[in-house]
Amino acid sequence: MKNYTIPMMPGPVKISPAAHPFLIADFGAGYAEDEFFGTYGTVSRKIQTLIGTEQEIIIQSGEAMAILWGALKSCVAPGDKVLCISTGFFGAGFADMAQALQAQVEVVSYEYDETLHDLDRIEAKIKTFAPKVITVVHCETPSGTLNPLVELGRLKKKYAVPILIVDAVASIACTPVTSDAWNADIVMGGSQKGLSLPPTLGFCSVSEQAWGVIHERGYAGYEAFAPWHRLLDTKEHPNTPDWNGIAALEAVLDELAAEGWEHVYDRHSRVAEFVRNSLQEAGYRLFPKPSAVQSPSVTAAYVPEGLSFAAFDAQVRKDGLGVAGSFGPLAGKIFRLGHMGTQATMENAAAALAVLKKVRFVQQ
């Protein structure tokens, strides 16, 4: 389906109208223009504010998964110890990625319908394994959950773990992200979720400690972070930058800042609460356990009994509603509603629930 009348996919989301003029503008070759580096610096500072950090920001071209690979490849050499905290598909995916890099990998796993708790398990593993890198996902979109990270960050600092990498792709601009308060060294985001842009940019903060590890590692592949270090001073961009995307990102950031970040986060929370309450009233069963922290950007619920996900998806698509299935062990069992960015409005949520109530009523 090219367009959804009621867009509720958990990324990519409906593009913000504020971005449209910049996405079709005729920008020059960014690597050759001081004007581009001025925009890059301005957007970097705005991202620092957004994700609660004083660390350097880098902005790369490519879907957010590329910057996840870049973070691992830039920090992890074969044989390095990587501790992956997993509460879902992407948390487990970090472990697969690290293993592909021939790292020594240990995983502290929670059920996919849980969020971080009982951190004694993690502390014990840090003590015995002594990792160089810890990875964790803030918002697990395949599960509709949000991991609290303050205590994990304290453990990172207590045991002087060199690097904490956080995937915050699906939480940034939907809920507060406090990178420095988490003692996180690399916090990654993407353009296609809460920031309501096409999937063309990945960005992250990089601490001074991380830069030391990165330069010692010496990774030189396409996703390497090293060429971005102090880019505003060197002005040696390693490839053709996405000037359109970065200018569009600034427009969206300005629009959201004008709305007020507290209002933005409150809007996401209110829409999420409305969606979950309405789903349960309509007879749907939410996926996460009641004790889990549910994400303000995405809701996961079980597919109605007697329907495959494919059949359920076909029914809601008839009314223009775009929903997503899930991945891994959850594939075919649950569906997901992405109330993030431009899609986090009561009007959009109410339209989606009207369709879902009709489907549920037909099944009953």
Protein backbone atom coordinates (compact mmCIF):
# COMPACT_ATOMS: atom_id res chain seq x y z
CA MET A 1 0.00 0.00 0.00
CA LYS A 2 1.57 3.27 -1.10
CA ASN A 3 -0.30 5.45 1.37
CA TYR A 4 -2.22 4.73 4.56
CA THR A 5 -5.32 6.80 5.21
CA ILE A 6 -4.72 6.06 8.90
CA PRO A 7 -0.96 5.70 9.34
CA MET A 8 0.01 3.72 12.44
CA MET A 9 3.13 1.91 11.32
CA PRO A 10 5.91 2.05 13.93
CA GLY A 11 8.31 3.51 11.38
CA PRO A 12 8.75 4.85 8.88
CA VAL A 13 6.02 7.24 9.89
CA LYS A 14 4.11 9.88 7.98
CA ILE A 15 6.58 12.60 6.98
CA SER A 16 6.20 15.95 8.71
CA PRO A 17 4.98 18.71 6.36
CA ALA A 18 7.67 20.93 7.89
CA ALA A 19 10.25 18.75 6.14
CA HIS A 20 8.72 18.80 2.65
CA PRO A 21 10.35 21.99 1.25
CA PHE A 22 13.81 20.88 2.33
CA LEU A 23 13.52 17.34 1.00
CA ILE A 24 12.93 18.63 -2.54
CA ALA A 25 15.26 21.65 -2.43
CA ASP A 26 18.31 21.86 -4.71
CA PHE A 27 21.16 21.85 -2.22
CA GLY A 28 24.75 21.84 -3.41
CA ALA A 29 27.57 19.44 -2.60
CA GLY A 30 27.68 19.59 1.17
CA TYR A 31 31.30 18.44 1.50
CA ALA A 32 32.39 21.52 -0.48
CA GLU A 33 30.28 24.22 1.20
CA ASP A 34 30.84 26.02 4.49
CA GLU A 35 27.09 26.61 4.61
CA PHE A 36 26.52 22.87 4.98
CA PHE A 37 28.89 22.63 7.93
CA GLY A 38 27.08 25.54 9.55
CA THR A 39 23.80 23.64 9.28
CA TYR A 40 25.46 20.43 10.47
CA GLY A 41 26.78 22.21 13.56
CA THR A 42 23.45 23.85 14.35
CA VAL A 43 21.56 20.56 14.02
CA SER A 44 24.17 18.78 16.14
CA ARG A 45 23.64 21.26 18.97
CA LYS A 46 19.88 20.83 18.74
CA ILE A 47 20.28 17.05 18.93
CA GLN A 48 22.48 17.48 22.02
CA THR A 49 19.59 19.29 23.69
CA LEU A 50 17.10 16.69 22.51
CA ILE A 51 18.98 13.69 23.90
CA GLY A 52 20.41 15.32 27.01
CA THR A 53 24.12 15.31 26.28
CA GLU A 54 27.14 17.56 26.02
CA GLN A 55 29.01 14.98 23.93
CA GLU A 56 29.84 15.37 20.25
CA ILE A 57 27.08 14.43 17.80
CA ILE A 58 27.69 12.73 14.49
CA ILE A 59 25.10 12.53 11.70
CA GLN A 60 25.53 9.86 9.04
CA SER A 61 23.61 9.02 5.89
CA GLY A 62 21.68 5.77 5.93
CA GLU A 63 18.89 3.99 7.79
CA ALA A 64 19.38 3.82 11.55
CA MET A 65 20.61 0.21 11.42
CA ALA A 66 23.73 1.48 9.67
CA ILE A 67 24.74 3.60 12.65
CA LEU A 68 24.17 0.64 14.99
CA TRP A 69 26.64 -1.35 12.91
CA GLY A 70 28.96 1.64 12.83
CA ALA A 71 28.96 1.91 16.61
CA LEU A 72 29.83 -1.75 17.11
CA LYS A 73 32.41 -1.95 14.32
CA SER A 74 34.06 1.25 15.51
CA CYS A 75 34.36 0.05 19.13
CA VAL A 76 34.59 -3.74 19.02
CA ALA A 77 37.59 -5.73 17.80
CA PRO A 78 37.66 -9.53 17.50
CA GLY A 79 38.00 -11.02 20.97
CA ASP A 80 36.60 -8.01 22.83
CA LYS A 81 34.03 -8.72 25.53
CA VAL A 82 30.52 -7.45 24.81
CA LEU A 83 27.63 -7.78 27.27
CA CYS A 84 24.25 -7.48 25.56
CA ILE A 85 21.18 -6.72 27.68
CA SER A 86 18.19 -8.16 25.86
CA THR A 87 14.49 -7.59 26.47
CA GLY A 88 13.46 -8.20 22.89
CA PHE A 89 14.29 -8.69 19.25
CA PHE A 90 16.71 -5.80 18.83
CA GLY A 91 18.45 -6.40 22.15
CA ALA A 92 19.12 -9.97 21.04
CA GLY A 93 20.12 -8.61 17.65
CA PHE A 94 22.97 -6.66 19.23
CA ALA A 95 24.39 -9.99 20.38
CA ASP A 96 24.13 -11.45 16.88
CA MET A 97 25.92 -8.40 15.47
CA ALA A 98 28.71 -8.58 18.05
CA GLN A 99 29.16 -12.29 17.42
CA ALA A 100 29.47 -11.57 13.70
CA LEU A 101 32.39 -9.30 14.63
CA GLN A 102 33.99 -12.24 16.46
CA ALA A 103 33.59 -10.66 19.88
CA GLN A 104 33.23 -12.65 23.08
CA VAL A 105 29.55 -12.18 23.79
CA GLU A 106 27.47 -12.75 26.90
CA VAL A 107 23.75 -12.00 27.08
CA VAL A 108 21.54 -11.16 30.03
CA SER A 109 18.09 -11.98 28.70
CA TYR A 110 14.64 -11.02 29.91
CA GLU A 111 11.36 -12.18 28.41
CA TYR A 112 10.14 -10.17 25.42
CA ASP A 113 7.11 -8.97 27.41
CA GLU A 114 9.31 -7.63 30.24
CA THR A 115 11.49 -4.58 30.79
CA LEU A 116 14.68 -4.19 32.82
CA HIS A 117 14.31 -5.27 36.45
CA ASP A 118 16.29 -7.36 38.91
CA LEU A 119 19.53 -5.65 37.94
CA ASP A 120 21.41 -7.91 40.35
CA ARG A 121 21.62 -10.33 37.41
CA ILE A 122 23.32 -7.70 35.29
CA GLU A 123 25.65 -6.63 38.10
CA ALA A 124 26.74 -10.21 38.70
CA LYS A 125 27.52 -10.66 35.01
CA ILE A 126 29.50 -7.41 34.86
CA LYS A 127 31.58 -8.59 37.82
CA THR A 128 32.42 -11.99 36.35
CA PHE A 129 32.64 -11.09 32.65
CA ALA A 130 34.25 -7.61 32.85
CA PRO A 131 32.93 -6.40 29.49
CA LYS A 132 34.51 -3.71 27.35
CA VAL A 133 31.10 -2.80 25.90
CA ILE A 134 27.52 -3.03 27.19
CA THR A 135 24.64 -2.73 24.71
CA VAL A 136 20.98 -2.08 25.44
CA VAL A 137 17.82 -0.96 23.63
CA HIS A 138 15.77 1.85 25.16
CA CYS A 139 12.53 1.20 23.24
CA GLU A 140 11.88 -2.31 21.90
CA THR A 141 9.44 -1.56 19.10
CA PRO A 142 8.73 -5.26 18.34
CA SER A 143 7.44 -5.59 21.93
CA GLY A 144 6.04 -2.13 22.64
CA THR A 145 8.24 -1.69 25.73
CA LEU A 146 10.54 0.97 27.19
CA ASN A 147 13.54 0.08 29.32
CA PRO A 148 14.45 2.25 32.33
CA LEU A 149 18.20 2.87 32.04
CA VAL A 150 19.29 4.99 35.00
CA GLU A 151 20.29 2.02 37.17
CA LEU A 152 22.10 0.31 34.31
CA GLY A 153 24.08 3.50 33.77
CA ARG A 154 25.04 3.53 37.45
CA LEU A 155 26.36 -0.01 37.17
CA LYS A 156 28.34 0.98 34.10
CA LYS A 157 29.97 3.79 36.06
CA LYS A 158 30.43 1.75 39.27
CA TYR A 159 32.39 -0.96 37.48
CA ALA A 160 34.17 1.40 35.06
CA VAL A 161 32.89 -0.38 31.95
CA PRO A 162 34.50 1.56 29.08
CA ILE A 163 31.52 1.80 26.72
CA LEU A 164 27.72 1.79 27.11
CA ILE A 165 25.87 1.81 23.77
CA VAL A 166 22.15 2.65 23.75
CA ASP A 167 19.76 2.18 20.83
CA ALA A 168 17.23 5.00 21.32
CA VAL A 169 15.97 5.00 17.73
CA ALA A 170 12.29 4.52 18.63
CA SER A 171 12.24 6.68 21.76
CA ILE A 172 13.96 9.90 20.70
CA ALA A 173 11.45 12.76 20.30
CA CYS A 174 8.73 10.56 21.88
CA THR A 175 9.89 10.44 25.49
CA PRO A 176 12.77 12.04 27.43
CA VAL A 177 16.20 10.65 26.54
CA THR A 178 18.88 11.59 29.07
CA SER A 179 22.12 10.30 27.63
CA ASP A 180 24.59 11.82 30.08
CA ALA A 181 22.42 10.97 33.10
CA TRP A 182 22.54 7.35 31.88
CA ASN A 183 26.37 7.51 31.73
CA ALA A 184 25.97 6.38 28.13
CA ASP A 185 28.87 6.77 25.72
CA ILE A 186 26.98 6.27 22.46
CA VAL A 187 23.23 6.97 22.16
CA MET A 188 21.84 6.38 18.69
CA GLY A 189 18.79 7.70 16.88
CA GLY A 190 17.26 7.64 13.42
CA SER A 191 15.19 9.95 11.30
CA GLN A 192 12.20 7.74 10.50
CA LYS A 193 10.37 7.39 13.80
CA GLY A 194 9.67 10.18 16.29
CA LEU A 195 11.28 12.73 14.00
CA SER A 196 8.89 11.96 11.14
CA LEU A 197 11.40 11.93 8.27
CA PRO A 198 12.34 9.38 5.61
CA PRO A 199 14.74 6.59 6.72
CA THR A 200 17.87 8.36 5.45
CA LEU A 201 19.75 9.53 8.56
CA GLY A 202 21.31 7.99 11.63
CA PHE A 203 22.88 10.05 14.38
CA CYS A 204 24.45 9.52 17.78
CA SER A 205 26.35 11.06 20.64
CA VAL A 206 29.95 9.94 21.17
CA SER A 207 31.74 10.49 24.48
CA GLU A 208 35.41 11.39 24.79
CA GLN A 209 36.03 7.95 26.29
CA ALA A 210 34.35 6.37 23.27
CA TRP A 211 36.50 8.43 20.89
CA GLY A 212 39.59 7.02 22.61
CA VAL A 213 38.33 3.46 22.09
CA ILE A 214 37.34 4.25 18.49
CA HIS A 215 40.76 5.59 17.55
CA GLU A 216 42.52 2.71 19.28
CA ARG A 217 40.30 0.23 17.41
CA GLY A 218 41.10 1.91 14.06
CA TYR A 219 38.13 0.59 12.07
CA ALA A 220 38.14 2.17 8.61
CA GLY A 221 35.01 0.85 6.89
CA TYR A 222 32.19 2.88 5.37
CA GLU A 223 30.26 3.10 8.67
CA ALA A 224 33.38 4.06 10.67
CA PHE A 225 32.87 6.81 13.24
CA ALA A 226 36.48 8.04 13.25
CA PRO A 227 36.19 10.40 10.22
CA TRP A 228 33.38 12.28 11.96
CA HIS A 229 35.49 13.20 15.00
CA ARG A 230 35.63 17.00 15.21
CA LEU A 231 34.14 17.22 11.73
CA LEU A 232 33.33 20.89 12.18
CA ASP A 233 37.04 21.56 12.63
CA THR A 234 38.39 19.25 9.92
CA LYS A 235 35.57 19.81 7.41
CA GLU A 236 36.69 16.55 5.83
CA HIS A 237 33.36 14.80 5.32
CA PRO A 238 34.12 11.23 4.22
CA ASN A 239 31.31 10.97 1.67
CA THR A 240 28.48 12.94 0.07
CA PRO A 241 26.32 14.21 2.94
CA ASP A 242 22.54 14.21 2.93
CA TRP A 243 22.16 17.99 3.07
CA ASN A 244 18.45 17.72 2.27
CA GLY A 245 17.87 15.33 5.13
CA ILE A 246 19.86 17.34 7.67
CA ALA A 247 18.11 20.58 6.69
CA ALA A 248 14.74 18.80 6.95
CA LEU A 249 15.77 17.45 10.35
CA GLU A 250 16.44 20.99 11.53
CA ALA A 251 12.98 22.07 10.37
CA VAL A 252 11.33 19.24 12.32
CA LEU A 253 13.42 19.91 15.43
CA ASP A 254 12.44 23.57 15.30
CA GLU A 255 8.77 22.69 14.89
CA LEU A 256 8.84 20.33 17.87
CA ALA A 257 10.80 22.79 20.01
CA ALA A 258 8.17 25.44 19.24
CA GLU A 259 5.47 23.01 20.40
CA GLY A 260 7.51 22.52 23.57
CA TRP A 261 9.30 19.26 24.37
CA GLU A 262 7.27 18.66 27.53
CA HIS A 263 4.10 19.02 25.46
CA VAL A 264 5.50 16.69 22.79
CA TYR A 265 6.22 13.99 25.37
CA ASP A 266 2.87 14.51 27.08
CA ARG A 267 1.10 14.22 23.71
CA HIS A 268 2.77 10.86 23.09
CA SER A 269 1.87 9.61 26.57
CA ARG A 270 -1.76 10.69 26.29
CA VAL A 271 -2.20 9.08 22.87
CA ALA A 272 -0.53 5.88 24.07
CA GLU A 273 -2.81 5.68 27.10
CA PHE A 274 -5.88 6.28 24.94
CA VAL A 275 -4.83 3.55 22.49
CA ARG A 276 -4.21 0.98 25.21
CA ASN A 277 -7.36 1.70 27.14
CA SER A 278 -9.45 1.64 23.96
CA LEU A 279 -7.89 -1.62 22.76
CA GLN A 280 -8.69 -3.35 26.03
CA GLU A 281 -12.22 -1.96 26.06
CA ALA A 282 -12.65 -3.41 22.57
CA GLY A 283 -11.56 -6.86 23.77
CA TYR A 284 -7.94 -6.90 22.64
CA ARG A 285 -5.19 -8.23 24.90
CA LEU A 286 -2.05 -6.14 25.28
CA PHE A 287 1.24 -7.97 24.85
CA PRO A 288 3.57 -6.73 27.60
CA LYS A 289 3.14 -7.93 31.16
CA PRO A 290 1.38 -5.45 33.49
CA SER A 291 4.69 -4.98 35.33
CA ALA A 292 6.52 -3.93 32.17
CA VAL A 293 7.03 -0.29 31.20
CA GLN A 294 5.08 0.27 28.00
CA SER A 295 6.45 2.56 25.35
CA PRO A 296 4.78 5.90 24.62
CA SER A 297 5.67 5.48 20.95
CA VAL A 298 4.33 2.02 20.10
CA THR A 299 1.70 -0.39 21.40
CA ALA A 300 1.81 -4.16 20.93
CA ALA A 301 -1.30 -6.34 21.23
CA TYR A 302 -2.19 -9.92 20.40
CA VAL A 303 -3.81 -10.70 17.06
CA PRO A 304 -7.45 -11.72 17.68
CA GLU A 305 -7.96 -15.44 18.16
CA GLY A 306 -9.00 -17.24 15.01
CA LEU A 307 -7.16 -14.82 12.72
CA SER A 308 -3.68 -15.04 11.28
CA PHE A 309 -1.77 -11.79 11.22
CA ALA A 310 -1.99 -11.79 7.43
CA ALA A 311 -5.80 -12.05 7.54
CA PHE A 312 -6.03 -9.43 10.28
CA ASP A 313 -3.74 -7.07 8.36
CA ALA A 314 -5.78 -7.54 5.19
CA GLN A 315 -8.97 -6.60 7.04
CA VAL A 316 -7.62 -3.38 8.56
CA ARG A 317 -5.98 -2.37 5.29
CA LYS A 318 -9.40 -2.34 3.64
CA ASP A 319 -10.17 0.68 5.80
CA GLY A 320 -6.80 2.32 5.15
CA LEU A 321 -5.21 1.45 8.50
CA GLY A 322 -1.51 0.67 8.46
CA VAL A 323 -0.34 -1.58 11.30
CA ALA A 324 2.75 -3.76 11.64
CA GLY A 325 3.38 -7.31 12.69
CA SER A 326 6.44 -8.25 14.73
CA PHE A 327 9.66 -10.21 14.39
CA GLY A 328 11.38 -13.33 15.68
CA PRO A 329 9.36 -15.35 18.19
CA LEU A 330 6.58 -12.74 18.12
CA ALA A 331 6.02 -12.95 14.36
CA GLY A 332 2.39 -13.71 13.55
CA LYS A 333 1.30 -13.43 17.19
CA ILE A 334 1.02 -9.70 17.78
CA PHE A 335 0.38 -6.51 15.89
CA ARG A 336 1.82 -3.07 16.59
CA LEU A 337 0.52 0.47 16.41
CA GLY A 338 3.06 3.25 15.98
CA HIS A 339 1.77 6.40 17.68
CA MET A 340 4.98 8.34 17.21
CA GLY A 341 5.88 11.65 15.62
CA THR A 342 3.19 12.97 13.28
CA GLN A 343 1.06 9.91 14.06
CA ALA A 344 0.80 10.71 17.77
CA THR A 345 -2.51 12.57 17.61
CA MET A 346 -5.85 11.78 19.18
CA GLU A 347 -7.55 12.11 15.80
CA ASN A 348 -5.30 9.52 14.20
CA ALA A 349 -5.58 7.19 17.19
CA ALA A 350 -9.38 7.46 17.30
CA ALA A 351 -9.62 6.65 13.59
CA ALA A 352 -7.38 3.61 14.07
CA LEU A 353 -9.42 2.34 17.02
CA ALA A 354 -12.65 2.70 15.08
CA VAL A 355 -11.27 0.28 12.49
CA LEU A 356 -9.90 -2.11 15.10
CA LYS A 357 -13.19 -2.18 17.02
CA LYS A 358 -15.00 -3.07 13.82
CA VAL A 359 -12.62 -5.94 13.09
CA ARG A 360 -12.93 -7.21 16.65
CA PHE A 361 -16.72 -6.95 16.52
CA VAL A 362 -16.80 -9.02 13.31
CA GLN A 363 -14.73 -11.70 15.04
CA GLN A 364 -17.06 -11.82 18.03
